[in-house]
Amino acid sequence: MDTNTPQTPELVFASRDEFLTPTGRRYLGFTLPVSGRNVRIRSLFENEKEAYESKMLSHKGGLSLAALKEARRRLVQITLVNPAGDLLLAESDISKLSALDGADIACCYENAMTHCGFKQEEIEGLLKNSGSVRADA
């Protein structure tokens, strides 16, 4: 054994059961830059991320223009929670978010993207690989 080589602890890998054990929700609190309000977001489970992504598709397989237009606000709606961890906004509130300051919504959206494990490259890839954006929802 080479004693000059730094020793690193051996990695212990998760078993199947350990890997498949849910870790539960994660939460993140932050202050909005314009309104100064403190808000809290939750992480999404994989099936919730998939449902969010699939809402952007039209019935004909392309991207839905209407869904793309509200994608940022929809992610804010499905991640913003109250102190107890319950959703703060209903789906019917999505359109109301368009009247709020864009910097505050952008702050919520960017934090949610990171906290939920979305990568900007994934969104760009979805747009690039869709082939078309359809006006039908």
N, C-alpha and C. Protein backbone atom coordinates (compact mmCIF):
# COMPACT_ATOMS: atom_id res chain seq x y z
N MET A 1 0.84 -1.18 0.00
CA MET A 1 0.00 0.00 0.00
C MET A 1 0.88 1.23 0.00
N ASP A 2 0.52 2.19 -0.84
CA ASP A 2 1.26 3.44 -0.92
C ASP A 2 0.81 4.35 0.21
N THR A 3 1.70 4.62 1.16
CA THR A 3 1.34 5.44 2.32
C THR A 3 1.33 6.92 1.99
N ASN A 4 1.84 7.31 0.83
CA ASN A 4 1.82 8.72 0.43
C ASN A 4 0.50 9.14 -0.21
N THR A 5 -0.32 8.16 -0.59
CA THR A 5 -1.61 8.46 -1.19
C THR A 5 -2.62 8.75 -0.09
N PRO A 6 -3.29 9.92 -0.17
CA PRO A 6 -4.29 10.22 0.86
C PRO A 6 -5.39 9.16 0.85
N GLN A 7 -5.79 8.75 2.01
CA GLN A 7 -6.83 7.74 2.15
C GLN A 7 -8.19 8.43 2.23
N THR A 8 -9.11 7.94 1.46
CA THR A 8 -10.48 8.45 1.53
C THR A 8 -11.36 7.34 2.06
N PRO A 9 -12.35 7.71 2.85
CA PRO A 9 -13.23 6.66 3.37
C PRO A 9 -13.97 5.98 2.23
N GLU A 10 -14.20 4.69 2.38
CA GLU A 10 -14.89 3.93 1.36
C GLU A 10 -16.36 4.33 1.35
N LEU A 11 -16.90 4.48 0.14
CA LEU A 11 -18.31 4.81 0.01
C LEU A 11 -19.15 3.60 0.40
N VAL A 12 -20.20 3.85 1.15
CA VAL A 12 -21.15 2.81 1.47
C VAL A 12 -22.39 3.11 0.64
N PHE A 13 -22.74 2.18 -0.23
CA PHE A 13 -23.83 2.41 -1.16
C PHE A 13 -25.16 1.98 -0.56
N ALA A 14 -26.22 2.67 -0.95
CA ALA A 14 -27.56 2.37 -0.46
C ALA A 14 -28.04 1.04 -1.00
N SER A 15 -28.77 0.33 -0.18
CA SER A 15 -29.42 -0.90 -0.63
C SER A 15 -30.67 -0.51 -1.43
N ARG A 16 -31.28 -1.47 -2.06
CA ARG A 16 -32.52 -1.22 -2.81
C ARG A 16 -33.58 -0.63 -1.89
N ASP A 17 -33.77 -1.24 -0.72
CA ASP A 17 -34.78 -0.76 0.22
C ASP A 17 -34.47 0.65 0.72
N GLU A 18 -33.21 0.92 0.98
CA GLU A 18 -32.82 2.26 1.42
C GLU A 18 -33.08 3.29 0.32
N PHE A 19 -32.72 2.93 -0.90
CA PHE A 19 -32.90 3.85 -2.02
C PHE A 19 -34.38 4.15 -2.25
N LEU A 20 -35.23 3.15 -2.12
CA LEU A 20 -36.66 3.31 -2.38
C LEU A 20 -37.45 3.86 -1.20
N THR A 21 -36.79 4.16 -0.10
CA THR A 21 -37.46 4.75 1.06
C THR A 21 -37.61 6.25 0.84
N PRO A 22 -38.86 6.75 0.79
CA PRO A 22 -39.06 8.19 0.58
C PRO A 22 -38.40 9.02 1.69
N THR A 23 -37.86 10.16 1.28
CA THR A 23 -37.20 11.04 2.24
C THR A 23 -38.13 12.10 2.80
N GLY A 24 -39.29 12.26 2.21
CA GLY A 24 -40.23 13.27 2.68
C GLY A 24 -40.00 14.61 1.98
N ARG A 25 -40.85 15.53 2.30
CA ARG A 25 -40.78 16.87 1.69
C ARG A 25 -39.61 17.65 2.27
N ARG A 26 -39.07 18.51 1.43
CA ARG A 26 -38.10 19.51 1.86
C ARG A 26 -38.74 20.87 1.67
N TYR A 27 -38.35 21.83 2.48
CA TYR A 27 -38.91 23.18 2.42
C TYR A 27 -37.79 24.21 2.35
N LEU A 28 -38.14 25.35 1.77
CA LEU A 28 -37.19 26.45 1.66
C LEU A 28 -37.95 27.75 1.85
N GLY A 29 -37.46 28.59 2.76
CA GLY A 29 -38.05 29.90 2.97
C GLY A 29 -37.12 30.98 2.43
N PHE A 30 -37.71 32.07 1.93
CA PHE A 30 -36.92 33.18 1.41
C PHE A 30 -37.79 34.43 1.40
N THR A 31 -37.15 35.57 1.19
CA THR A 31 -37.83 36.85 1.15
C THR A 31 -37.92 37.34 -0.28
N LEU A 32 -39.10 37.80 -0.66
CA LEU A 32 -39.29 38.31 -2.02
C LEU A 32 -38.63 39.67 -2.15
N PRO A 33 -37.97 39.94 -3.28
CA PRO A 33 -37.15 41.14 -3.42
C PRO A 33 -37.93 42.46 -3.49
N VAL A 34 -39.15 42.43 -3.99
CA VAL A 34 -39.90 43.67 -4.16
C VAL A 34 -40.87 43.89 -3.00
N SER A 35 -41.73 42.92 -2.74
CA SER A 35 -42.75 43.08 -1.70
C SER A 35 -42.17 42.93 -0.29
N GLY A 36 -41.03 42.24 -0.20
CA GLY A 36 -40.42 42.01 1.11
C GLY A 36 -41.13 40.93 1.92
N ARG A 37 -42.10 40.25 1.32
CA ARG A 37 -42.82 39.18 2.02
C ARG A 37 -41.93 37.95 2.15
N ASN A 38 -42.08 37.27 3.28
CA ASN A 38 -41.40 35.99 3.48
C ASN A 38 -42.33 34.89 2.99
N VAL A 39 -41.80 34.00 2.17
CA VAL A 39 -42.59 32.90 1.62
C VAL A 39 -41.84 31.58 1.81
N ARG A 40 -42.58 30.51 1.60
CA ARG A 40 -42.01 29.17 1.78
C ARG A 40 -42.47 28.30 0.62
N ILE A 41 -41.54 27.51 0.07
CA ILE A 41 -41.88 26.57 -0.98
C ILE A 41 -41.55 25.15 -0.52
N ARG A 42 -42.17 24.19 -1.20
CA ARG A 42 -41.92 22.78 -0.90
C ARG A 42 -41.26 22.11 -2.09
N SER A 43 -40.63 20.99 -1.84
CA SER A 43 -40.10 20.17 -2.93
C SER A 43 -41.26 19.41 -3.57
N LEU A 44 -41.01 18.86 -4.73
CA LEU A 44 -42.00 18.03 -5.41
C LEU A 44 -41.51 16.59 -5.46
N PHE A 45 -42.44 15.66 -5.36
CA PHE A 45 -42.10 14.27 -5.57
C PHE A 45 -42.00 14.04 -7.08
N GLU A 46 -41.37 12.97 -7.49
CA GLU A 46 -41.15 12.71 -8.92
C GLU A 46 -42.46 12.70 -9.70
N ASN A 47 -43.51 12.09 -9.15
CA ASN A 47 -44.78 12.05 -9.88
C ASN A 47 -45.39 13.45 -10.02
N GLU A 48 -45.13 14.35 -9.08
CA GLU A 48 -45.61 15.73 -9.18
C GLU A 48 -44.83 16.51 -10.24
N LYS A 49 -43.52 16.25 -10.32
CA LYS A 49 -42.71 16.89 -11.37
C LYS A 49 -43.19 16.44 -12.74
N GLU A 50 -43.45 15.15 -12.86
CA GLU A 50 -43.92 14.60 -14.14
C GLU A 50 -45.27 15.21 -14.52
N ALA A 51 -46.17 15.36 -13.57
CA ALA A 51 -47.49 15.95 -13.84
C ALA A 51 -47.33 17.41 -14.27
N TYR A 52 -46.42 18.13 -13.64
CA TYR A 52 -46.16 19.53 -14.01
C TYR A 52 -45.66 19.60 -15.46
N GLU A 53 -44.69 18.76 -15.80
CA GLU A 53 -44.12 18.76 -17.15
C GLU A 53 -45.16 18.36 -18.19
N SER A 54 -45.99 17.38 -17.86
CA SER A 54 -46.96 16.90 -18.84
C SER A 54 -48.07 17.92 -19.08
N LYS A 55 -48.30 18.84 -18.17
CA LYS A 55 -49.31 19.90 -18.37
C LYS A 55 -48.92 20.82 -19.52
N MET A 56 -47.65 20.82 -19.91
CA MET A 56 -47.20 21.68 -21.00
C MET A 56 -47.47 21.07 -22.37
N LEU A 57 -47.90 19.80 -22.39
CA LEU A 57 -48.14 19.14 -23.68
C LEU A 57 -49.59 19.31 -24.11
N SER A 58 -49.79 19.48 -25.40
CA SER A 58 -51.14 19.57 -25.94
C SER A 58 -51.67 18.16 -26.17
N HIS A 59 -52.94 18.08 -26.49
CA HIS A 59 -53.56 16.78 -26.78
C HIS A 59 -52.98 16.15 -28.04
N LYS A 60 -52.37 16.97 -28.90
CA LYS A 60 -51.82 16.46 -30.15
C LYS A 60 -50.32 16.16 -30.05
N GLY A 61 -49.76 16.27 -28.86
CA GLY A 61 -48.37 15.87 -28.66
C GLY A 61 -47.34 16.97 -28.68
N GLY A 62 -47.68 18.14 -29.19
CA GLY A 62 -46.74 19.26 -29.16
C GLY A 62 -46.84 19.99 -27.84
N LEU A 63 -46.13 21.07 -27.75
CA LEU A 63 -46.23 21.90 -26.55
C LEU A 63 -47.45 22.80 -26.66
N SER A 64 -48.17 22.94 -25.57
CA SER A 64 -49.34 23.80 -25.55
C SER A 64 -48.91 25.23 -25.28
N LEU A 65 -49.24 26.14 -26.17
CA LEU A 65 -48.89 27.54 -26.01
C LEU A 65 -49.49 28.11 -24.73
N ALA A 66 -50.74 27.79 -24.46
CA ALA A 66 -51.40 28.29 -23.25
C ALA A 66 -50.68 27.80 -21.99
N ALA A 67 -50.30 26.53 -21.98
CA ALA A 67 -49.61 25.97 -20.81
C ALA A 67 -48.21 26.56 -20.64
N LEU A 68 -47.53 26.79 -21.77
CA LEU A 68 -46.20 27.40 -21.69
C LEU A 68 -46.28 28.81 -21.10
N LYS A 69 -47.32 29.55 -21.48
CA LYS A 69 -47.47 30.91 -21.00
C LYS A 69 -47.66 30.96 -19.48
N GLU A 70 -48.27 29.93 -18.94
CA GLU A 70 -48.52 29.94 -17.50
C GLU A 70 -47.59 29.01 -16.71
N ALA A 71 -46.60 28.43 -17.36
CA ALA A 71 -45.72 27.45 -16.72
C ALA A 71 -45.02 28.00 -15.48
N ARG A 72 -44.53 29.23 -15.55
CA ARG A 72 -43.85 29.83 -14.40
C ARG A 72 -44.82 29.99 -13.23
N ARG A 73 -45.99 30.52 -13.52
CA ARG A 73 -46.98 30.73 -12.46
C ARG A 73 -47.49 29.41 -11.90
N ARG A 74 -47.62 28.39 -12.76
CA ARG A 74 -48.08 27.07 -12.30
C ARG A 74 -47.07 26.47 -11.33
N LEU A 75 -45.78 26.60 -11.63
CA LEU A 75 -44.77 26.05 -10.71
C LEU A 75 -44.82 26.78 -9.37
N VAL A 76 -45.04 28.07 -9.39
CA VAL A 76 -45.19 28.82 -8.14
C VAL A 76 -46.40 28.30 -7.38
N GLN A 77 -47.50 28.08 -8.06
CA GLN A 77 -48.73 27.62 -7.42
C GLN A 77 -48.57 26.25 -6.77
N ILE A 78 -47.87 25.33 -7.41
CA ILE A 78 -47.76 23.97 -6.85
C ILE A 78 -46.64 23.82 -5.83
N THR A 79 -45.85 24.88 -5.62
CA THR A 79 -44.77 24.79 -4.63
C THR A 79 -44.94 25.72 -3.44
N LEU A 80 -45.64 26.84 -3.59
CA LEU A 80 -45.80 27.80 -2.50
C LEU A 80 -46.70 27.21 -1.42
N VAL A 81 -46.23 27.22 -0.18
CA VAL A 81 -46.98 26.61 0.93
C VAL A 81 -47.07 27.56 2.13
N ASN A 82 -48.02 27.25 3.00
CA ASN A 82 -48.16 27.99 4.24
C ASN A 82 -47.22 27.39 5.29
N PRO A 83 -47.16 27.95 6.49
CA PRO A 83 -46.24 27.42 7.50
C PRO A 83 -46.47 25.94 7.86
N ALA A 84 -47.70 25.46 7.68
CA ALA A 84 -48.00 24.06 7.98
C ALA A 84 -47.60 23.12 6.84
N GLY A 85 -47.19 23.70 5.70
CA GLY A 85 -46.77 22.88 4.56
C GLY A 85 -47.89 22.59 3.58
N ASP A 86 -49.05 23.19 3.78
CA ASP A 86 -50.18 23.01 2.85
C ASP A 86 -50.08 24.04 1.73
N LEU A 87 -50.55 23.67 0.54
CA LEU A 87 -50.51 24.60 -0.58
C LEU A 87 -51.19 25.91 -0.21
N LEU A 88 -50.54 27.00 -0.52
CA LEU A 88 -51.05 28.33 -0.22
C LEU A 88 -52.07 28.78 -1.26
N LEU A 89 -51.83 28.38 -2.51
CA LEU A 89 -52.66 28.84 -3.62
C LEU A 89 -53.41 27.68 -4.27
N ALA A 90 -54.59 27.99 -4.78
CA ALA A 90 -55.38 27.02 -5.54
C ALA A 90 -55.04 27.17 -7.02
N GLU A 91 -55.40 26.17 -7.80
CA GLU A 91 -55.16 26.25 -9.24
C GLU A 91 -55.85 27.47 -9.84
N SER A 92 -56.99 27.84 -9.27
CA SER A 92 -57.72 29.02 -9.76
C SER A 92 -56.99 30.33 -9.49
N ASP A 93 -55.95 30.30 -8.67
CA ASP A 93 -55.16 31.50 -8.37
C ASP A 93 -54.06 31.77 -9.39
N ILE A 94 -53.79 30.81 -10.28
CA ILE A 94 -52.69 30.96 -11.24
C ILE A 94 -52.82 32.24 -12.05
N SER A 95 -54.00 32.52 -12.55
CA SER A 95 -54.17 33.72 -13.36
C SER A 95 -53.97 34.99 -12.53
N LYS A 96 -54.25 34.95 -11.25
CA LYS A 96 -54.08 36.12 -10.38
C LYS A 96 -52.61 36.47 -10.19
N LEU A 97 -51.74 35.49 -10.34
CA LEU A 97 -50.30 35.74 -10.17
C LEU A 97 -49.75 36.66 -11.25
N SER A 98 -50.44 36.74 -12.39
CA SER A 98 -49.96 37.60 -13.48
C SER A 98 -50.02 39.08 -13.12
N ALA A 99 -50.79 39.45 -12.10
CA ALA A 99 -50.91 40.85 -11.68
C ALA A 99 -49.86 41.23 -10.63
N LEU A 100 -49.06 40.26 -10.19
CA LEU A 100 -48.05 40.52 -9.17
C LEU A 100 -46.74 40.97 -9.82
N ASP A 101 -45.87 41.54 -9.02
CA ASP A 101 -44.59 42.03 -9.54
C ASP A 101 -43.80 40.88 -10.15
N GLY A 102 -43.32 41.08 -11.35
CA GLY A 102 -42.57 40.05 -12.07
C GLY A 102 -41.31 39.59 -11.36
N ALA A 103 -40.65 40.50 -10.64
CA ALA A 103 -39.43 40.12 -9.93
C ALA A 103 -39.75 39.17 -8.77
N ASP A 104 -40.88 39.38 -8.10
CA ASP A 104 -41.27 38.49 -7.01
C ASP A 104 -41.62 37.10 -7.55
N ILE A 105 -42.36 37.07 -8.68
CA ILE A 105 -42.72 35.78 -9.28
C ILE A 105 -41.46 35.08 -9.80
N ALA A 106 -40.56 35.86 -10.41
CA ALA A 106 -39.31 35.27 -10.91
C ALA A 106 -38.50 34.68 -9.76
N CYS A 107 -38.49 35.36 -8.62
CA CYS A 107 -37.76 34.86 -7.45
C CYS A 107 -38.36 33.53 -6.98
N CYS A 108 -39.68 33.47 -6.90
CA CYS A 108 -40.35 32.22 -6.51
C CYS A 108 -40.05 31.11 -7.52
N TYR A 109 -40.16 31.42 -8.79
CA TYR A 109 -39.95 30.44 -9.85
C TYR A 109 -38.51 29.90 -9.83
N GLU A 110 -37.54 30.80 -9.76
CA GLU A 110 -36.14 30.38 -9.76
C GLU A 110 -35.80 29.53 -8.54
N ASN A 111 -36.31 29.90 -7.38
CA ASN A 111 -36.09 29.10 -6.18
C ASN A 111 -36.76 27.73 -6.31
N ALA A 112 -37.97 27.70 -6.86
CA ALA A 112 -38.68 26.44 -7.04
C ALA A 112 -37.96 25.54 -8.04
N MET A 113 -37.48 26.12 -9.14
CA MET A 113 -36.74 25.33 -10.14
C MET A 113 -35.55 24.62 -9.48
N THR A 114 -34.78 25.37 -8.73
CA THR A 114 -33.60 24.80 -8.08
C THR A 114 -33.99 23.80 -7.00
N HIS A 115 -34.92 24.20 -6.14
CA HIS A 115 -35.32 23.37 -4.99
C HIS A 115 -35.95 22.05 -5.43
N CYS A 116 -36.65 22.06 -6.57
CA CYS A 116 -37.34 20.86 -7.05
C CYS A 116 -36.49 20.03 -8.02
N GLY A 117 -35.29 20.51 -8.32
CA GLY A 117 -34.39 19.73 -9.15
C GLY A 117 -34.59 19.88 -10.64
N PHE A 118 -35.27 20.94 -11.07
CA PHE A 118 -35.39 21.21 -12.49
C PHE A 118 -34.11 21.89 -12.95
N LYS A 119 -33.71 21.58 -14.16
CA LYS A 119 -32.55 22.22 -14.77
C LYS A 119 -33.03 23.00 -15.97
N GLN A 120 -32.49 24.19 -16.18
CA GLN A 120 -32.89 25.02 -17.31
C GLN A 120 -32.67 24.27 -18.62
N GLU A 121 -31.62 23.43 -18.67
CA GLU A 121 -31.34 22.67 -19.88
C GLU A 121 -32.48 21.71 -20.21
N GLU A 122 -33.16 21.16 -19.16
CA GLU A 122 -34.28 20.26 -19.39
C GLU A 122 -35.43 20.98 -20.07
N ILE A 123 -35.72 22.19 -19.59
CA ILE A 123 -36.80 22.98 -20.18
C ILE A 123 -36.47 23.35 -21.62
N GLU A 124 -35.21 23.77 -21.85
CA GLU A 124 -34.78 24.12 -23.21
C GLU A 124 -34.85 22.89 -24.11
N GLY A 125 -34.46 21.73 -23.59
CA GLY A 125 -34.53 20.48 -24.36
C GLY A 125 -35.94 20.11 -24.71
N LEU A 126 -36.86 20.31 -23.76
CA LEU A 126 -38.27 20.03 -24.02
C LEU A 126 -38.77 20.91 -25.16
N LEU A 127 -38.40 22.17 -25.14
CA LEU A 127 -38.80 23.09 -26.21
C LEU A 127 -38.18 22.69 -27.54
N LYS A 128 -36.89 22.37 -27.53
CA LYS A 128 -36.18 22.05 -28.76
C LYS A 128 -36.69 20.73 -29.37
N ASN A 129 -36.94 19.74 -28.53
CA ASN A 129 -37.33 18.41 -29.02
C ASN A 129 -38.81 18.27 -29.30
N SER A 130 -39.60 19.27 -28.95
CA SER A 130 -41.04 19.16 -29.15
C SER A 130 -41.41 19.28 -30.62
N GLY A 131 -40.59 19.98 -31.38
CA GLY A 131 -40.90 20.16 -32.79
C GLY A 131 -41.84 21.29 -33.08
N SER A 132 -42.79 21.51 -32.20
CA SER A 132 -43.75 22.59 -32.46
C SER A 132 -44.42 23.02 -31.18
N VAL A 133 -44.92 24.21 -31.21
CA VAL A 133 -45.72 24.72 -30.12
C VAL A 133 -47.11 24.92 -30.69
N ARG A 134 -48.09 24.31 -30.07
CA ARG A 134 -49.46 24.36 -30.59
C ARG A 134 -50.31 25.32 -29.76
N ALA A 135 -51.16 26.02 -30.44
CA ALA A 135 -52.06 26.96 -29.76
C ALA A 135 -53.17 26.25 -29.03
N ASP A 136 -53.41 24.96 -29.36
CA ASP A 136 -54.47 24.22 -28.67
C ASP A 136 -53.96 23.68 -27.35
N ALA A 137 -54.84 23.62 -26.36
CA ALA A 137 -54.44 23.16 -25.01
C ALA A 137 -54.73 21.70 -24.83
